[in-house]
Amino acid sequence: MNNNKEAERAELHKTIWRIANDLRGSVDGWDFKSYVLGMLFYRFISENLTAYLNTQERSAGAASFDYAVLSDADAEQGRTETVKEKGFYILPSHLFANVRERARQNANLNETLSRVFKDIEGSAIGADSEDNFKGLFDDLDINSNKLGPTVGKRNEKLVKLLDAIGDLPLGSFSDHTIDLFGDAYEYLMQMYASTAGKSGGEFYTPQEVSELLARIAVSGKTKLNKVYDPACGSGSLLLKFAKVLGQNKIRQGFFGQEINLTTYNLCRINMFLHDVNYEKFDIAHGDTLTDPAHWDDEPFEAIVSNPPYSIRWDGDANPLLINDPRFAPAGVLAPKSKADLAFTMHILGWLATSGTAAIVEFPGVLYRGGAEQKIRQYLIDNNYVDTVIQLPPDLFFGTTIATCIIVLKKSKRDNATLFIDATTEFVHSGNKNKLTEANQQKILGAFVNRKDVEHFAKLVDNGDIAANGYNIAVSSYVEQANTSEMVDIRALNAKIADIVARQAELRTQIDAIVADLERKRA
């Protein structure tokens, strides 16, 4: 991207964030994101549908066709065919631009928008896209007291919201600047997560970390059958595959599961805003560990995930889980208070024989004893752990801990595990650390080369890991560089003696000055 485009993008980001903050008033930012992002989505699908129908009709000979000015009655005849293609339908009077135009004069704006959102979701009922649209606008609660104490006040806020989102310079669809919608969404999610502390941070993986995970998972491949994230949050991590490989290189699309309902809705919205059509994504709502979706799907060639750290789960309190084919092979379940390795075992179960999984993990899973040690033993003895990467601290929102990445593979060429110490691979940016492109490339280079690099990478035979109690902490294998300076003790002692002598001399001078002053005063 050239500098001019970058400058435009930075300017757009500043505008978006200013608008989002001006609008929210007394509403908590993390709560208000549903309104900003929901309205952005409403504008996007309105313009997306209009551009699609205009292109269709104009290429069929109706040169001046404009769907936005068609009557609702005339538009109805195109509904069935369009839903088959796009997965949804919006009547001309319900398009974002048309609702916005009449919003200030519409005393029943809240009712109009409620009906519009209900009808958009309703247009997919009975179609293949039904699950992709169901409940998508639930978090955009038009009648919430958060927006204002009265209908009038709420409608005022909604007018401002429509105008602000409508004024954003996101290009026209014919200019191929469609990525600006996805880009705006990504930026907003990052800003909301960074200002929301822990509550927001847990749903968001910084873009640089996402990119590194995706690059690791696709290393050596130019196309994939489909990609998966079992704790997909707002979907940003999954969508990095499209950036790294290209959207048309992922044949069957993007699959994921998310337990938090609001975040699940944001994830589906994120897919649409990145122009992923309904048949190219399958995001499920629910608990991946106890009620996994995609059980009957073919295994995934690439999996990336940043599951929640050390959360509680049913574990051995649920007698069904020890016989679950995902967890049974290890012979033990992850502790009830620490589900980290349960996610790891689930991911291994969903991974294709030729696939790669890259998982962000809490560092304790690398060395803690008990059940976790037994699970590590299973993973190492079966040669599933390809690489362990220690990341720098303070990369993530909501936590300062130094996380790590565990890379799993089922078809390795050696019987060893690579350890990479990337603790110093960062730049400080704002109040966080950040992986630069150069940092990412250095980590990727070591991952691909799979050779020892002094103080950075070490390939360790799995037998040696077994002899070390299946501890897979990077610091146990990669020796850190000695950054302390060599000190000449004689020179140092001479310097200290000189300082002491100088100090004594100064004291004598000060005493003389004080005595002189007292004499004069007397």
Protein backbone atom coordinates (compact mmCIF):
# COMPACT_ATOMS: atom_id res chain seq x y z
CA MET A 1 0.00 0.00 0.00
CA ASN A 2 1.48 3.40 -0.91
CA ASN A 3 2.06 6.17 1.62
CA ASN A 4 -0.83 8.22 0.31
CA LYS A 5 -3.25 5.33 0.82
CA GLU A 6 -1.77 4.74 4.29
CA ALA A 7 -2.26 8.41 5.21
CA GLU A 8 -5.88 8.28 3.99
CA ARG A 9 -6.42 5.16 6.03
CA ALA A 10 -4.94 6.72 9.18
CA GLU A 11 -7.16 9.78 8.67
CA LEU A 12 -10.24 7.56 8.24
CA HIS A 13 -9.34 5.66 11.41
CA LYS A 14 -9.06 8.89 13.40
CA THR A 15 -12.44 10.05 12.07
CA ILE A 16 -14.10 6.71 12.89
CA TRP A 17 -12.77 6.71 16.44
CA ARG A 18 -13.74 10.36 17.04
CA ILE A 19 -17.27 9.69 15.79
CA ALA A 20 -17.59 6.50 17.84
CA ASN A 21 -16.51 8.36 20.99
CA ASP A 22 -18.65 11.44 20.34
CA LEU A 23 -21.72 9.32 19.77
CA ARG A 24 -21.56 7.04 22.76
CA GLY A 25 -22.03 9.74 25.39
CA SER A 26 -22.64 7.96 28.68
CA VAL A 27 -22.74 4.44 27.18
CA ASP A 28 -19.75 2.26 28.04
CA GLY A 29 -17.52 1.92 24.94
CA TRP A 30 -17.47 -1.87 24.98
CA ASP A 31 -21.31 -1.92 25.09
CA PHE A 32 -21.68 0.82 22.50
CA LYS A 33 -19.59 -1.04 19.91
CA SER A 34 -22.67 -3.13 19.06
CA TYR A 35 -24.44 0.02 17.84
CA VAL A 36 -21.54 1.39 15.80
CA LEU A 37 -20.61 -1.97 14.28
CA GLY A 38 -24.24 -3.01 13.78
CA MET A 39 -25.00 0.22 11.90
CA LEU A 40 -21.80 -0.18 9.85
CA PHE A 41 -23.04 -3.67 8.92
CA TYR A 42 -26.50 -2.32 7.97
CA ARG A 43 -24.90 0.25 5.66
CA PHE A 44 -22.57 -2.38 4.20
CA ILE A 45 -25.23 -4.95 3.27
CA SER A 46 -27.48 -2.20 1.86
CA GLU A 47 -24.73 -0.93 -0.45
CA ASN A 48 -23.52 -4.45 -1.21
CA LEU A 49 -27.01 -5.56 -2.32
CA THR A 50 -27.65 -2.37 -4.31
CA ALA A 51 -24.33 -2.68 -6.16
CA TYR A 52 -24.99 -6.39 -6.88
CA LEU A 53 -28.52 -5.80 -8.28
CA ASN A 54 -27.47 -2.72 -10.27
CA THR A 55 -24.63 -4.69 -11.89
CA GLN A 56 -26.98 -7.57 -12.73
CA GLU A 57 -29.65 -5.39 -14.32
CA ARG A 58 -27.29 -3.06 -16.15
CA SER A 59 -25.35 -5.94 -17.68
CA ALA A 60 -28.74 -7.32 -18.83
CA GLY A 61 -29.38 -4.09 -20.75
CA ALA A 62 -31.14 -1.75 -18.30
CA ALA A 63 -28.39 0.88 -18.41
CA SER A 64 -29.99 3.38 -16.01
CA PHE A 65 -31.34 0.84 -13.49
CA ASP A 66 -31.03 1.94 -9.83
CA TYR A 67 -32.40 -0.42 -7.21
CA ALA A 68 -32.52 2.32 -4.55
CA VAL A 69 -35.32 4.21 -6.40
CA LEU A 70 -37.41 1.14 -7.28
CA SER A 71 -40.79 0.77 -5.55
CA ASP A 72 -41.03 -1.97 -2.92
CA ALA A 73 -43.79 -3.64 -4.96
CA ASP A 74 -41.59 -3.83 -8.09
CA ALA A 75 -38.63 -5.00 -6.03
CA GLU A 76 -40.55 -7.99 -4.60
CA GLN A 77 -40.27 -9.95 -7.86
CA GLY A 78 -36.49 -10.21 -7.50
CA ARG A 79 -36.59 -11.52 -3.91
CA THR A 80 -36.40 -15.32 -4.42
CA GLU A 81 -33.54 -15.26 -6.92
CA THR A 82 -31.53 -12.72 -4.90
CA VAL A 83 -31.87 -14.63 -1.62
CA LYS A 84 -30.47 -17.71 -3.39
CA GLU A 85 -27.40 -15.72 -4.45
CA LYS A 86 -26.84 -13.28 -1.59
CA GLY A 87 -28.59 -15.05 1.28
CA PHE A 88 -30.76 -12.03 2.21
CA TYR A 89 -33.00 -9.31 0.77
CA ILE A 90 -33.68 -5.66 1.60
CA LEU A 91 -36.59 -3.73 0.07
CA PRO A 92 -35.61 -0.35 -1.45
CA SER A 93 -37.45 1.64 1.27
CA HIS A 94 -35.46 -0.33 3.88
CA LEU A 95 -32.02 0.46 2.43
CA PHE A 96 -29.67 2.34 4.75
CA ALA A 97 -29.46 5.42 2.49
CA ASN A 98 -33.26 5.70 2.16
CA VAL A 99 -33.97 5.22 5.88
CA ARG A 100 -31.25 7.74 6.71
CA GLU A 101 -32.66 10.33 4.29
CA ARG A 102 -36.05 10.29 6.04
CA ALA A 103 -34.74 9.70 9.58
CA ARG A 104 -34.94 13.29 10.92
CA GLN A 105 -38.61 13.60 9.93
CA ASN A 106 -39.49 10.10 11.16
CA ALA A 107 -41.02 10.29 14.65
CA ASN A 108 -41.23 6.48 14.63
CA LEU A 109 -37.60 5.90 13.60
CA ASN A 110 -37.13 3.30 16.33
CA GLU A 111 -40.09 1.28 14.99
CA THR A 112 -38.90 1.68 11.38
CA LEU A 113 -35.42 0.37 12.22
CA SER A 114 -36.83 -2.50 14.31
CA ARG A 115 -38.98 -3.54 11.35
CA VAL A 116 -36.10 -3.18 8.88
CA PHE A 117 -33.77 -5.38 10.97
CA LYS A 118 -36.52 -7.95 11.57
CA ASP A 119 -37.29 -8.08 7.82
CA ILE A 120 -33.62 -8.47 6.82
CA GLU A 121 -33.24 -11.42 9.19
CA GLY A 122 -36.65 -12.72 8.08
CA SER A 123 -35.64 -12.67 4.41
CA ALA A 124 -33.24 -15.56 5.11
CA ILE A 125 -35.77 -17.79 6.91
CA GLY A 126 -36.10 -21.09 5.07
CA ALA A 127 -33.01 -20.36 2.94
CA ASP A 128 -29.55 -21.96 3.23
CA SER A 129 -28.35 -18.71 4.79
CA GLU A 130 -30.86 -18.75 7.68
CA ASP A 131 -28.29 -19.62 10.37
CA ASN A 132 -25.93 -16.92 9.14
CA PHE A 133 -28.54 -14.17 9.63
CA LYS A 134 -30.56 -15.36 12.62
CA GLY A 135 -30.28 -12.92 15.55
CA LEU A 136 -27.64 -10.79 13.81
CA PHE A 137 -29.20 -7.51 14.95
CA ASP A 138 -30.07 -8.68 18.49
CA ASP A 139 -27.35 -6.57 20.09
CA LEU A 140 -28.39 -3.45 18.19
CA ASP A 141 -31.24 -2.83 20.64
CA ILE A 142 -33.06 0.20 19.25
CA ASN A 143 -35.23 0.59 22.35
CA SER A 144 -32.50 0.30 24.97
CA ASN A 145 -32.36 2.90 27.75
CA LYS A 146 -28.62 3.03 27.04
CA LEU A 147 -29.47 5.20 24.03
CA GLY A 148 -31.63 7.61 26.04
CA PRO A 149 -34.41 7.77 28.63
CA THR A 150 -37.26 8.51 26.14
CA VAL A 151 -38.20 7.44 22.61
CA GLY A 152 -37.46 11.00 21.43
CA LYS A 153 -33.96 10.98 22.93
CA ARG A 154 -33.26 7.50 21.57
CA ASN A 155 -34.37 8.54 18.09
CA GLU A 156 -32.09 11.61 18.27
CA LYS A 157 -29.17 9.30 19.01
CA LEU A 158 -30.20 6.95 16.18
CA VAL A 159 -30.31 9.86 13.68
CA LYS A 160 -26.80 10.87 14.76
CA LEU A 161 -25.66 7.27 14.41
CA LEU A 162 -27.14 6.92 10.90
CA ASP A 163 -25.57 10.23 9.81
CA ALA A 164 -22.16 9.47 11.30
CA ILE A 165 -21.93 5.99 9.76
CA GLY A 166 -23.41 7.26 6.47
CA ASP A 167 -20.82 10.04 6.22
CA LEU A 168 -17.81 7.75 6.62
CA PRO A 169 -15.81 7.86 3.37
CA LEU A 170 -15.75 4.12 2.73
CA GLY A 171 -15.64 4.35 -1.06
CA SER A 172 -18.16 2.95 -3.52
CA PHE A 173 -18.40 -0.71 -4.34
CA SER A 174 -17.43 -0.13 -7.94
CA ASP A 175 -14.08 1.38 -6.79
CA HIS A 176 -12.98 -1.96 -5.29
CA THR A 177 -12.48 -0.28 -1.93
CA ILE A 178 -14.73 -2.83 -0.30
CA ASP A 179 -11.92 -3.75 2.09
CA LEU A 180 -12.42 -0.38 3.78
CA PHE A 181 -15.52 -1.72 5.55
CA GLY A 182 -13.59 -4.70 6.89
CA ASP A 183 -10.66 -2.45 7.72
CA ALA A 184 -12.91 0.00 9.60
CA TYR A 185 -14.41 -2.89 11.55
CA GLU A 186 -10.97 -4.27 12.48
CA TYR A 187 -9.80 -0.87 13.63
CA LEU A 188 -12.89 -0.29 15.76
CA MET A 189 -12.62 -3.72 17.39
CA GLN A 190 -8.97 -3.07 18.22
CA MET A 191 -9.72 0.36 19.71
CA TYR A 192 -12.68 -0.92 21.73
CA ALA A 193 -10.60 -3.84 23.01
CA SER A 194 -7.67 -1.62 23.98
CA THR A 195 -9.86 0.82 25.92
CA ALA A 196 -12.09 -1.82 27.52
CA GLY A 197 -9.26 -3.55 29.39
CA LYS A 198 -9.88 -7.16 30.30
CA SER A 199 -13.53 -7.27 29.23
CA GLY A 200 -12.61 -6.38 25.66
CA GLY A 201 -9.16 -7.87 25.43
CA GLU A 202 -10.34 -11.43 25.85
CA PHE A 203 -12.28 -11.20 22.58
CA TYR A 204 -9.52 -9.75 20.48
CA THR A 205 -6.13 -10.97 19.25
CA PRO A 206 -3.86 -8.10 18.05
CA GLN A 207 -3.49 -8.11 14.27
CA GLU A 208 0.28 -8.74 14.29
CA VAL A 209 -0.14 -11.87 16.44
CA SER A 210 -3.04 -13.02 14.23
CA GLU A 211 -0.87 -12.61 11.16
CA LEU A 212 1.98 -14.60 12.69
CA LEU A 213 -0.39 -17.45 13.64
CA ALA A 214 -1.95 -17.55 10.17
CA ARG A 215 1.47 -17.51 8.47
CA ILE A 216 2.65 -20.40 10.65
CA ALA A 217 -0.52 -22.40 9.96
CA VAL A 218 -0.28 -21.98 6.14
CA SER A 219 3.50 -22.35 5.91
CA GLY A 220 4.38 -24.43 2.84
CA LYS A 221 0.82 -24.28 1.43
CA THR A 222 -0.64 -22.10 -1.32
CA LYS A 223 -4.29 -23.15 -0.85
CA LEU A 224 -6.42 -24.80 1.81
CA ASN A 225 -9.69 -26.72 2.01
CA LYS A 226 -10.98 -24.67 4.97
CA VAL A 227 -9.79 -22.94 8.12
CA TYR A 228 -10.99 -23.21 11.71
CA ASP A 229 -10.90 -21.48 15.12
CA PRO A 230 -12.67 -23.21 18.05
CA ALA A 231 -12.78 -20.01 20.16
CA CYS A 232 -13.17 -17.54 17.31
CA GLY A 233 -14.21 -14.38 19.18
CA SER A 234 -15.00 -11.65 16.67
CA GLY A 235 -13.43 -13.67 13.82
CA SER A 236 -10.45 -11.40 13.15
CA LEU A 237 -7.97 -14.24 13.61
CA LEU A 238 -9.81 -16.48 11.12
CA LEU A 239 -9.99 -13.71 8.54
CA LYS A 240 -6.21 -13.24 8.62
CA PHE A 241 -6.04 -16.36 6.41
CA ALA A 242 -7.71 -14.37 3.63
CA LYS A 243 -5.06 -11.66 4.00
CA VAL A 244 -2.14 -14.11 4.11
CA LEU A 245 -3.27 -16.52 1.36
CA GLY A 246 -6.04 -14.68 -0.52
CA GLN A 247 -9.75 -15.33 -0.03
CA ASN A 248 -10.13 -17.44 -3.17
CA LYS A 249 -7.39 -19.80 -1.91
CA ILE A 250 -9.62 -21.11 0.88
CA ARG A 251 -11.98 -23.38 -1.01
CA GLN A 252 -14.70 -24.15 1.52
CA GLY A 253 -14.24 -21.11 3.70
CA PHE A 254 -14.12 -20.13 7.35
CA PHE A 255 -15.36 -22.23 10.28
CA GLY A 256 -15.49 -21.38 13.96
CA GLN A 257 -17.34 -21.54 17.26
CA GLU A 258 -17.90 -18.88 19.93
CA ILE A 259 -19.54 -19.18 23.34
CA ASN A 260 -20.35 -15.49 23.93
CA LEU A 261 -23.55 -14.51 22.08
CA THR A 262 -22.65 -10.86 21.45
CA THR A 263 -19.21 -11.80 20.14
CA TYR A 264 -20.72 -14.59 18.02
CA ASN A 265 -22.96 -11.97 16.35
CA LEU A 266 -19.96 -9.67 15.85
CA CYS A 267 -18.06 -12.55 14.24
CA ARG A 268 -20.77 -13.19 11.65
CA ILE A 269 -21.00 -9.44 10.95
CA ASN A 270 -17.22 -9.39 10.52
CA MET A 271 -17.46 -12.13 7.87
CA PHE A 272 -19.98 -10.12 5.84
CA LEU A 273 -17.99 -6.90 6.21
CA HIS A 274 -14.98 -8.70 4.72
CA ASP A 275 -17.22 -9.70 1.79
CA VAL A 276 -17.27 -13.38 2.72
CA ASN A 277 -20.58 -14.59 1.30
CA TYR A 278 -22.90 -16.69 3.46
CA GLU A 279 -21.99 -20.05 1.87
CA LYS A 280 -18.29 -19.48 2.62
CA PHE A 281 -18.55 -19.33 6.42
CA ASP A 282 -20.02 -21.49 9.16
CA ILE A 283 -19.79 -19.91 12.61
CA ALA A 284 -21.52 -21.77 15.44
CA HIS A 285 -22.67 -20.54 18.85
CA GLY A 286 -21.94 -22.70 21.90
CA ASP A 287 -19.37 -24.28 24.19
CA THR A 288 -16.69 -25.92 22.04
CA LEU A 289 -15.42 -28.16 24.83
CA THR A 290 -18.73 -29.75 25.85
CA ASP A 291 -20.90 -29.16 22.78
CA PRO A 292 -18.64 -28.88 19.71
CA ALA A 293 -20.05 -27.96 16.31
CA HIS A 294 -18.51 -29.28 13.04
CA TRP A 295 -18.13 -32.76 14.57
CA ASP A 296 -19.05 -34.46 11.30
CA ASP A 297 -17.05 -32.18 9.00
CA GLU A 298 -13.84 -33.34 7.38
CA PRO A 299 -10.74 -32.34 9.42
CA PHE A 300 -9.24 -28.89 8.96
CA GLU A 301 -5.94 -28.22 7.18
CA ALA A 302 -5.24 -25.04 9.14
CA ILE A 303 -6.36 -24.14 12.67
CA VAL A 304 -5.52 -20.99 14.61
CA SER A 305 -6.78 -20.05 18.04
CA ASN A 306 -6.31 -17.84 21.06
CA PRO A 307 -8.56 -19.66 23.54
CA PRO A 308 -9.40 -18.06 26.91
CA TYR A 309 -6.58 -18.60 29.42
CA SER A 310 -7.06 -21.01 32.32
CA ILE A 311 -10.86 -20.91 32.44
CA ARG A 312 -12.98 -23.40 34.36
CA TRP A 313 -14.66 -26.30 32.54
CA ASP A 314 -16.54 -29.49 33.48
CA GLY A 315 -13.47 -31.72 33.31
CA ASP A 316 -13.82 -34.96 35.26
CA ALA A 317 -17.09 -33.74 36.85
CA ASN A 318 -18.68 -34.76 33.53
CA PRO A 319 -18.29 -38.56 33.16
CA LEU A 320 -18.92 -38.37 29.40
CA LEU A 321 -15.80 -36.32 28.71
CA ILE A 322 -13.16 -38.96 29.54
CA ASN A 323 -14.68 -41.17 26.82
CA ASP A 324 -14.94 -38.31 24.35
CA PRO A 325 -12.74 -39.24 21.34
CA ARG A 326 -11.07 -35.81 21.53
CA PHE A 327 -9.87 -36.23 25.13
CA ALA A 328 -9.74 -40.01 25.70
CA PRO A 329 -6.40 -40.67 23.92
CA ALA A 330 -4.44 -38.74 26.59
CA GLY A 331 -6.01 -40.92 29.30
CA VAL A 332 -6.62 -37.88 31.50
CA LEU A 333 -8.65 -34.65 31.32
CA ALA A 334 -7.31 -31.12 31.74
CA PRO A 335 -7.90 -29.84 35.31
CA LYS A 336 -11.34 -28.37 36.04
CA SER A 337 -9.79 -24.97 36.83
CA LYS A 338 -7.56 -24.90 33.73
CA ALA A 339 -9.17 -25.77 30.39
CA ASP A 340 -6.14 -24.70 28.30
CA LEU A 341 -5.02 -28.21 27.29
CA ALA A 342 -8.64 -29.33 26.74
CA PHE A 343 -8.73 -26.76 23.89
CA THR A 344 -5.37 -28.12 22.68
CA MET A 345 -6.70 -31.71 22.60
CA HIS A 346 -9.90 -30.57 20.86
CA ILE A 347 -7.83 -28.78 18.21
CA LEU A 348 -5.67 -31.88 17.68
CA GLY A 349 -8.87 -33.92 17.18
CA TRP A 350 -10.13 -31.51 14.50
CA LEU A 351 -6.76 -31.27 12.69
CA ALA A 352 -6.20 -32.94 9.30
CA THR A 353 -3.30 -35.39 8.92
CA SER A 354 -1.50 -32.90 6.69
CA GLY A 355 -2.58 -29.87 8.72
CA THR A 356 -0.95 -27.35 11.05
CA ALA A 357 -2.45 -25.74 14.16
CA ALA A 358 -1.03 -22.62 15.85
CA ILE A 359 -2.45 -21.94 19.33
CA VAL A 360 -1.75 -19.08 21.74
CA GLU A 361 -1.37 -20.59 25.22
CA PHE A 362 -0.95 -19.47 28.81
CA PRO A 363 2.72 -20.23 29.71
CA GLY A 364 1.81 -22.41 32.71
CA VAL A 365 0.67 -25.23 30.40
CA LEU A 366 4.30 -25.74 29.35
CA TYR A 367 5.58 -26.84 32.76
CA ARG A 368 2.79 -27.45 35.29
CA GLY A 369 2.59 -30.96 36.77
CA GLY A 370 -0.33 -33.33 37.36
CA ALA A 371 -2.87 -33.95 34.58
CA GLU A 372 -1.28 -31.29 32.37
CA GLN A 373 2.07 -33.07 32.49
CA LYS A 374 0.34 -36.32 31.41
CA ILE A 375 -1.33 -34.55 28.47
CA ARG A 376 2.06 -33.10 27.43
CA GLN A 377 3.51 -36.61 27.67
CA TYR A 378 0.82 -37.87 25.27
CA LEU A 379 1.54 -35.00 22.84
CA ILE A 380 5.34 -35.43 22.92
CA ASP A 381 5.36 -39.25 22.86
CA ASN A 382 3.10 -39.19 19.80
CA ASN A 383 5.25 -36.49 18.16
CA TYR A 384 2.40 -33.98 17.73
CA VAL A 385 4.24 -30.89 19.05
CA ASP A 386 6.11 -29.27 16.19
CA THR A 387 7.25 -26.00 17.77
CA VAL A 388 6.94 -23.99 20.98
CA ILE A 389 7.44 -20.22 20.65
CA GLN A 390 7.85 -17.98 23.68
CA LEU A 391 6.36 -14.55 22.83
CA PRO A 392 7.25 -11.18 24.40
CA PRO A 393 5.18 -9.89 27.35
CA ASP A 394 2.41 -7.27 27.04
CA LEU A 395 1.28 -7.99 23.46
CA PHE A 396 -2.38 -8.54 24.33
CA PHE A 397 -5.12 -6.23 25.62
CA GLY A 398 -6.31 -6.98 29.14
CA THR A 399 -3.17 -8.86 30.22
CA THR A 400 0.57 -8.21 30.44
CA ILE A 401 1.70 -11.86 30.60
CA ALA A 402 4.17 -13.29 28.10
CA THR A 403 2.13 -15.90 26.24
CA CYS A 404 3.45 -18.65 24.02
CA ILE A 405 2.45 -20.40 20.78
CA ILE A 406 2.22 -24.17 20.51
CA VAL A 407 2.31 -25.49 16.95
CA LEU A 408 0.79 -28.93 16.39
CA LYS A 409 1.32 -31.24 13.40
CA LYS A 410 0.32 -34.85 12.81
CA SER A 411 2.84 -35.63 10.06
CA LYS A 412 6.29 -34.48 11.12
CA ARG A 413 9.53 -35.47 9.38
CA ASP A 414 11.60 -35.65 12.57
CA ASN A 415 11.06 -36.86 16.13
CA ALA A 416 12.04 -33.58 17.75
CA THR A 417 10.49 -30.32 18.95
CA LEU A 418 11.70 -26.85 17.99
CA PHE A 419 11.91 -24.17 20.70
CA ILE A 420 12.03 -20.48 19.75
CA ASP A 421 12.73 -17.72 22.28
CA ALA A 422 11.11 -14.59 20.82
CA THR A 423 10.89 -12.69 24.12
CA THR A 424 12.93 -9.76 22.78
CA GLU A 425 11.26 -9.64 19.33
CA PHE A 426 9.09 -6.54 19.75
CA VAL A 427 8.94 -2.76 19.65
CA HIS A 428 7.18 -0.70 22.31
CA SER A 429 4.12 1.04 20.87
CA GLY A 430 1.91 3.23 23.06
CA ASN A 431 1.35 1.30 26.28
CA LYS A 432 1.76 -2.09 24.62
CA ASN A 433 4.44 -4.15 22.89
CA LYS A 434 4.02 -4.98 19.23
CA LEU A 435 5.47 -7.52 16.78
CA THR A 436 6.87 -5.74 13.73
CA GLU A 437 7.06 -7.29 10.28
CA ALA A 438 10.78 -7.93 10.90
CA ASN A 439 10.01 -9.64 14.23
CA GLN A 440 7.43 -11.87 12.53
CA GLN A 441 9.84 -12.75 9.71
CA LYS A 442 12.62 -13.70 12.14
CA ILE A 443 10.27 -16.04 14.04
CA LEU A 444 8.89 -17.51 10.79
CA GLY A 445 12.40 -17.98 9.40
CA ALA A 446 13.45 -20.03 12.44
CA PHE A 447 10.17 -21.99 12.30
CA VAL A 448 10.70 -22.92 8.64
CA ASN A 449 14.47 -23.62 8.86
CA ARG A 450 14.12 -25.81 11.95
CA LYS A 451 17.79 -25.41 12.93
CA ASP A 452 19.62 -24.27 16.05
CA VAL A 453 20.26 -20.52 16.29
CA GLU A 454 22.34 -19.44 19.29
CA HIS A 455 20.21 -17.83 22.01
CA PHE A 456 17.12 -17.97 19.76
CA ALA A 457 16.16 -21.45 18.48
CA LYS A 458 16.94 -25.02 19.54
CA LEU A 459 15.79 -28.33 18.02
CA VAL A 460 15.46 -30.86 20.87
CA ASP A 461 15.02 -34.62 20.53
CA ASN A 462 11.73 -35.75 22.06
CA GLY A 463 13.66 -38.31 24.16
CA ASP A 464 15.48 -35.44 25.87
CA ILE A 465 12.14 -33.74 26.59
CA ALA A 466 10.86 -36.99 28.14
CA ALA A 467 14.03 -37.16 30.29
CA ASN A 468 13.25 -33.60 31.43
CA GLY A 469 9.82 -34.60 32.77
CA TYR A 470 7.97 -33.43 29.62
CA ASN A 471 8.69 -29.81 30.50
CA ILE A 472 8.33 -27.82 27.26
CA ALA A 473 9.11 -24.32 28.58
CA VAL A 474 11.34 -22.58 26.03
CA SER A 475 13.71 -21.26 28.72
CA SER A 476 14.58 -24.88 29.63
CA TYR A 477 16.15 -25.44 26.20
CA VAL A 478 17.19 -22.08 24.68
CA GLU A 479 20.06 -20.49 26.58
CA GLN A 480 19.60 -16.75 26.97
CA ALA A 481 22.38 -14.43 25.85
CA ASN A 482 24.50 -13.07 28.69
CA THR A 483 23.90 -9.34 28.37
CA SER A 484 25.87 -8.36 31.48
CA GLU A 485 29.13 -6.51 30.81
CA MET A 486 32.56 -7.82 31.83
CA VAL A 487 33.83 -5.63 34.70
CA ASP A 488 37.50 -4.91 35.55
CA ILE A 489 37.31 -5.08 39.35
CA ARG A 490 40.65 -3.26 39.92
CA ALA A 491 39.58 -0.35 37.72
CA LEU A 492 36.21 -0.25 39.48
CA ASN A 493 37.87 -0.21 42.94
CA ALA A 494 40.17 2.61 41.83
CA LYS A 495 37.14 4.56 40.56
CA ILE A 496 35.30 4.06 43.86
CA ALA A 497 38.39 5.18 45.82
CA ASP A 498 38.56 8.30 43.63
CA ILE A 499 34.86 9.06 44.26
CA VAL A 500 35.32 8.59 48.05
CA ALA A 501 38.36 10.95 48.02
CA ARG A 502 36.45 13.55 45.97
CA GLN A 503 33.48 13.24 48.34
CA ALA A 504 35.77 13.86 51.35
CA GLU A 505 37.27 16.88 49.60
CA LEU A 506 33.80 18.34 48.89
CA ARG A 507 32.76 17.76 52.52
CA THR A 508 35.84 19.70 53.72
CA GLN A 509 34.97 22.56 51.33
CA ILE A 510 31.32 22.64 52.45
CA ASP A 511 32.35 22.59 56.15
CA ALA A 512 34.67 25.57 55.50
CA ILE A 513 31.87 27.52 53.75
CA VAL A 514 29.41 26.79 56.59
CA ALA A 515 31.99 27.82 59.24
CA ASP A 516 32.70 31.04 57.30
CA LEU A 517 28.96 31.88 57.10
CA GLU A 518 28.47 31.26 60.84
CA ARG A 519 31.47 33.46 61.65
CA LYS A 520 30.06 36.30 59.52
CA ARG A 521 26.62 35.93 61.13
CA ALA A 522 28.23 36.09 64.60
